[in-house]
Protein backbone atom coordinates (compact mmCIF):
# COMPACT_ATOMS: atom_id res chain seq x y z
CA UNK A 1 314.16 106.31 146.47
CA UNK A 2 315.43 102.78 147.03
CA UNK A 3 313.15 99.85 146.35
CA UNK A 4 313.62 96.16 147.16
CA UNK A 5 311.74 93.84 144.80
CA UNK A 6 311.66 90.22 145.95
CA UNK A 7 315.35 90.20 146.85
CA UNK A 8 316.64 86.77 147.85
CA UNK A 9 320.14 85.43 148.32
CA UNK A 10 321.46 81.91 148.75
CA UNK A 11 324.82 80.95 150.30
CA UNK A 12 325.37 77.33 149.27
CA UNK A 13 322.85 75.45 151.44
CA UNK A 14 321.63 78.49 153.41
CA UNK A 15 319.08 81.06 152.28
CA UNK A 16 320.36 84.32 153.77
CA UNK A 17 317.55 86.52 152.40
CA UNK A 18 314.09 85.55 151.18
CA UNK A 19 311.75 87.80 149.21
CA UNK A 20 312.65 91.18 150.70
CA UNK A 21 310.27 93.91 149.56
CA UNK A 22 309.92 97.54 150.55
CA UNK A 23 310.52 101.20 149.70
CA UNK A 24 312.83 103.70 151.42
CA UNK A 25 312.43 107.34 150.46
CA UNK A 26 315.17 109.97 150.28
CA UNK A 27 315.99 111.42 153.69
CA UNK A 28 314.77 108.39 155.64
CA UNK A 29 316.83 106.64 158.29
CA UNK A 30 316.09 102.92 158.39
CA UNK A 31 317.01 100.73 161.34
CA UNK A 32 317.90 97.14 160.41
CA UNK A 33 317.40 94.87 163.40
CA UNK A 34 317.61 91.14 163.99
CA UNK A 35 319.60 88.40 165.68
CA UNK A 36 323.00 87.25 164.49
CA UNK A 37 322.47 85.30 161.27
CA UNK A 38 319.14 86.98 160.54
CA UNK A 39 320.37 88.51 157.26
CA UNK A 40 321.26 92.06 158.38
CA UNK A 41 324.81 92.06 157.00
CA UNK A 42 323.74 90.32 153.81
CA UNK A 43 321.07 92.95 153.14
CA UNK A 44 323.57 95.73 153.85
CA UNK A 45 326.09 94.10 151.51
CA UNK A 46 323.47 93.88 148.77
CA UNK A 47 322.79 97.63 149.10
CA UNK A 48 326.57 98.22 149.08
CA UNK A 49 326.72 96.08 145.87
CA UNK A 50 329.32 93.81 147.50
CA UNK A 51 326.85 90.95 146.96
CA UNK A 52 324.64 90.44 143.93
CA UNK A 53 321.34 88.91 145.06
CA UNK A 54 320.49 85.46 143.74
CA UNK A 55 317.15 86.85 142.59
CA UNK A 56 315.10 90.03 142.76
CA UNK A 57 315.89 93.66 142.02
CA UNK A 58 317.47 96.58 143.81
CA UNK A 59 315.98 99.74 142.30
CA UNK A 60 317.42 103.22 142.82
CA UNK A 61 314.98 105.81 141.47
CA UNK A 62 314.32 104.25 138.04
CA UNK A 63 317.62 102.36 137.78
CA UNK A 64 317.88 98.59 138.17
CA UNK A 65 321.23 98.57 139.98
CA UNK A 66 322.39 95.04 139.14
CA UNK A 67 321.14 95.07 135.55
CA UNK A 68 324.38 96.48 134.11
CA UNK A 69 327.96 96.91 135.29
CA UNK A 70 327.79 100.66 134.65
CA UNK A 71 324.67 100.86 136.86
CA UNK A 72 326.58 99.23 139.72
CA UNK A 73 329.51 101.62 139.29
CA UNK A 74 327.21 104.63 139.17
CA UNK A 75 325.35 103.48 142.30
CA UNK A 76 328.59 102.80 144.22
CA UNK A 77 329.62 106.41 143.77
CA UNK A 78 326.64 107.40 145.92
CA UNK A 79 327.48 105.08 148.83
CA UNK A 80 329.51 105.50 151.99
CA UNK A 81 329.91 102.41 154.20
CA UNK A 82 330.96 102.62 157.87
CA UNK A 83 331.58 99.33 159.65
CA UNK A 84 332.72 98.62 163.20
CA UNK A 85 335.55 96.71 161.48
CA UNK A 86 336.62 99.51 159.15
CA UNK A 87 340.12 99.10 157.69
CA UNK A 88 342.78 101.81 157.70
CA UNK A 89 346.38 101.99 156.51
CA UNK A 90 348.24 101.31 159.78
CA UNK A 91 351.61 102.64 158.54
CA UNK A 92 350.12 106.10 157.95
CA UNK A 93 348.99 108.72 160.43
CA UNK A 94 345.35 109.73 160.60
CA UNK A 95 346.19 112.85 158.63
CA UNK A 96 347.90 110.87 155.84
CA UNK A 97 345.08 108.31 155.82
CA UNK A 98 342.60 111.14 155.34
CA UNK A 99 344.73 112.66 152.59
CA UNK A 100 344.88 109.29 150.85
CA UNK A 101 341.12 108.74 150.97
CA UNK A 102 340.53 112.36 149.98
CA UNK A 103 342.48 111.61 146.80
CA UNK A 104 340.63 108.33 146.21
CA UNK A 105 337.24 110.08 146.53
CA UNK A 106 338.39 113.19 144.61
CA UNK A 107 337.09 115.11 147.60
CA UNK A 108 337.21 118.87 148.07
CA UNK A 109 336.43 118.66 151.78
CA UNK A 110 338.78 120.17 154.39
CA UNK A 111 340.43 117.42 156.42
CA UNK A 112 340.86 119.58 159.50
CA UNK A 113 337.22 120.67 159.48
CA UNK A 114 336.06 117.05 159.26
CA UNK A 115 338.46 116.01 162.03
CA UNK A 116 337.10 118.75 164.27
CA UNK A 117 333.54 117.73 163.43
CA UNK A 118 334.10 114.20 164.82
CA UNK A 119 336.51 115.41 167.53
CA UNK A 120 339.73 113.73 166.37
CA UNK A 121 341.58 116.93 165.37
CA UNK A 122 344.03 116.39 168.27
CA UNK A 123 344.85 112.90 166.96
CA UNK A 124 345.81 113.63 163.36
CA UNK A 125 349.49 112.81 163.93
CA UNK A 126 348.69 109.45 165.59
CA UNK A 127 348.62 106.05 163.91
CA UNK A 128 345.25 104.21 163.72
CA UNK A 129 346.49 101.21 165.72
CA UNK A 130 347.04 103.47 168.74
CA UNK A 131 343.42 104.62 168.85
CA UNK A 132 340.73 103.40 171.21
CA UNK A 133 337.64 101.71 169.77
CA UNK A 134 335.62 104.92 170.00
CA UNK A 135 338.40 106.97 168.37
CA UNK A 136 338.68 104.43 165.54
CA UNK A 137 334.95 104.71 164.91
CA UNK A 138 335.17 108.50 164.80
CA UNK A 139 338.05 108.13 162.35
CA UNK A 140 335.93 105.81 160.18
CA UNK A 141 333.15 108.41 160.23
CA UNK A 142 335.67 111.11 159.23
CA UNK A 143 336.69 109.06 156.18
CA UNK A 144 333.03 108.57 155.23
CA UNK A 145 332.46 112.34 155.39
CA UNK A 146 335.11 112.89 152.71
CA UNK A 147 332.73 111.34 150.21
CA UNK A 148 329.68 113.27 149.02
CA UNK A 149 327.47 110.24 149.53
CA UNK A 150 323.70 110.07 149.15
CA UNK A 151 323.35 106.62 150.75
CA UNK A 152 325.02 105.96 154.09
CA UNK A 153 325.44 102.42 155.41
CA UNK A 154 326.17 102.20 159.13
CA UNK A 155 326.90 98.71 160.47
CA UNK A 156 326.45 98.98 164.26
CA UNK A 157 328.46 102.23 164.36
CA UNK A 158 327.82 102.92 168.07
CA UNK A 159 328.08 99.36 169.40
CA UNK A 160 330.05 99.23 172.66
CA UNK A 161 331.21 102.84 172.39
CA UNK A 162 331.47 105.66 174.91
CA UNK A 163 328.60 108.11 175.38
CA UNK A 164 330.39 110.97 173.57
CA UNK A 165 331.06 108.87 170.45
CA UNK A 166 327.49 107.53 170.44
CA UNK A 167 326.23 111.11 170.48
CA UNK A 168 328.57 112.05 167.61
CA UNK A 169 327.15 109.14 165.59
CA UNK A 170 323.55 110.18 166.29
CA UNK A 171 324.27 113.83 165.47
CA UNK A 172 325.84 112.82 162.15
CA UNK A 173 322.84 110.65 161.29
CA UNK A 174 320.58 113.65 161.90
CA UNK A 175 322.80 115.75 159.62
CA UNK A 176 322.62 113.11 156.88
CA UNK A 177 318.84 113.15 157.20
CA UNK A 178 318.73 116.95 156.89
CA UNK A 179 320.71 116.63 153.65
CA UNK A 180 318.08 114.15 152.33
CA UNK A 181 320.54 111.26 152.46
CA UNK A 182 319.19 107.74 152.90
CA UNK A 183 320.70 106.01 155.92
CA UNK A 184 320.67 102.28 156.68
CA UNK A 185 321.46 101.86 160.38
CA UNK A 186 322.17 98.37 161.74
CA UNK A 187 321.50 98.50 165.48
CA UNK A 188 319.66 96.83 168.34
CA UNK A 189 319.65 99.88 170.61
CA UNK A 190 316.07 101.01 171.18
CA UNK A 191 317.13 104.54 172.15
CA UNK A 192 319.03 104.97 168.88
CA UNK A 193 316.03 103.73 166.90
CA UNK A 194 313.60 106.00 168.73
CA UNK A 195 315.84 109.06 168.43
CA UNK A 196 317.11 108.96 164.82
CA UNK A 197 315.22 106.36 162.77
CA UNK A 198 312.09 106.72 160.64
CA UNK A 199 311.56 103.09 159.66
CA UNK A 200 312.47 99.62 160.88
CA UNK A 201 313.33 96.51 158.90
CA UNK A 202 313.17 93.55 161.29
CA UNK A 203 314.73 90.34 159.94
CA UNK A 204 314.56 86.78 161.23
CA UNK A 205 316.07 83.81 159.39
CA UNK A 206 316.43 85.93 156.25
CA UNK A 207 312.76 86.93 156.18
CA UNK A 208 311.14 90.26 156.93
CA UNK A 209 309.12 90.11 160.14
CA UNK A 210 308.33 93.83 160.02
CA UNK A 211 308.91 96.68 157.55
CA UNK A 212 307.36 100.02 158.44
CA UNK A 213 307.64 103.18 160.51
CA UNK A 214 308.81 103.25 164.12
CA UNK A 215 305.29 104.22 165.25
CA UNK A 216 303.81 101.32 163.28
CA UNK A 217 306.32 98.98 164.94
CA UNK A 218 305.10 99.88 168.43
CA UNK A 219 301.48 99.57 167.32
CA UNK A 220 302.32 96.03 166.17
CA UNK A 221 304.63 95.01 169.01
CA UNK A 222 304.13 95.79 172.69
CA UNK A 223 306.94 96.87 175.00
CA UNK A 224 307.99 94.09 177.35
CA UNK A 225 310.10 93.93 180.50
CA UNK A 226 312.20 91.26 182.16
CA UNK A 227 311.18 91.50 185.83
CA UNK A 228 313.13 89.89 188.67
CA UNK A 229 311.09 89.74 191.89
CA UNK A 230 310.18 88.04 195.15
CA UNK A 231 306.57 86.92 195.66
CA UNK A 232 305.15 88.58 198.80
CA UNK A 233 303.65 85.23 199.82
CA UNK A 234 307.03 83.51 199.49
CA UNK A 235 309.78 86.00 200.45
CA UNK A 236 313.30 84.88 199.63
CA UNK A 237 312.25 83.08 196.45
CA UNK A 238 313.74 84.89 193.47
CA UNK A 239 311.93 84.63 190.12
CA UNK A 240 312.25 86.27 186.72
CA UNK A 241 309.30 86.73 184.35
CA UNK A 242 308.59 88.55 181.10
CA UNK A 243 305.67 91.00 181.41
CA UNK A 244 304.00 93.76 179.45
CA UNK A 245 303.07 96.98 181.22
CA UNK A 246 299.55 95.87 182.17
CA UNK A 247 300.79 92.59 183.65
CA UNK A 248 303.48 94.47 185.58
CA UNK A 249 300.94 96.84 187.14
CA UNK A 250 298.78 93.94 188.28
CA UNK A 251 301.76 91.89 189.51
CA UNK A 252 303.16 94.72 191.65
CA UNK A 253 300.37 94.12 194.18
CA UNK A 254 301.72 90.61 194.81
CA UNK A 255 305.50 90.94 194.34
CA UNK A 256 308.53 92.90 195.51
CA UNK A 257 310.38 94.01 192.38
CA UNK A 258 314.15 93.55 192.56
CA UNK A 259 315.12 94.52 189.00
CA UNK A 260 313.42 95.58 185.76
CA UNK A 261 315.02 95.56 182.31
CA UNK A 262 313.47 96.82 179.08
CA UNK A 263 313.66 94.08 176.46
CA UNK A 264 315.46 94.97 173.26
CA UNK A 265 313.77 95.15 169.88
CA UNK A 266 315.08 91.75 168.79
CA UNK A 267 313.85 90.12 172.01
CA UNK A 268 310.42 91.69 171.61
CA UNK A 269 310.01 90.20 168.12
CA UNK A 270 310.94 86.74 169.42
CA UNK A 271 308.59 87.05 172.39
CA UNK A 272 305.55 87.93 170.32
CA UNK A 273 306.19 84.87 168.13
CA UNK A 274 307.14 82.14 170.58
CA UNK A 275 308.52 82.87 174.00
CA UNK A 276 305.70 85.05 175.28
CA UNK A 277 303.02 82.66 174.00
CA UNK A 278 304.70 79.76 175.81
CA UNK A 279 305.11 81.85 178.96
CA UNK A 280 301.40 82.79 178.96
CA UNK A 281 300.41 79.17 178.49
CA UNK A 282 302.59 78.19 181.47
CA UNK A 283 300.97 80.87 183.63
CA UNK A 284 297.48 79.60 182.79
CA UNK A 285 298.20 76.01 183.83
């Protein structure tokens, strides 16, 4: 179990996190969502122990992680961090990189088995700088699998990747969950959240706007759509409006829909706070 107790962090004149509270149980996959600058990376770096919070506690089971240096070292042994900007040793082949990290982690895992698992076994003699973005991400996942981690930190691991790599990422997350690992998953992809996540932490300006299960999220926030259309009474005039499902059903009697886009999770949070309220007020004038 991981528990946040009033975690806050200040960067000079900016408060990156403010009073973060919540509990994540073993085996839960937690989506961390929010706009750029909302505090996602800072929270992930606190869990990774790269950043010590300015105040508050990070509790793992009964251990106050930042209370003692030995607690931090013990906690770090449980963590595997995969970033979209993961660093490799460019002078070494994938095979030699994996051998190096296997030694660093004192791992007993079979390199070839791991490479096959993430479908890079045909690339082991290549250098990392020759890989595509998707191949580099698979390689980063292979390195993370060398470590027998209990806490997995994934910083937008499927962002901008091909369908096959995205599926590999989701399958690995499901495997981590089956092993009762705790996974923190930074993403803004609704499909990824729906398919693999148990909880959502939604951040805005360093504050928690929502912390709960995926089902609770959708009970709190409606699904919205960006609808581009032509009014039937004014054909040729192209408009775009934000609508929920009920408004869309009513509007379809008066419009010709040209395009519909599901709004992302971050957009939905913003809409329920400001944008949608202003839009409704405009409609009522």
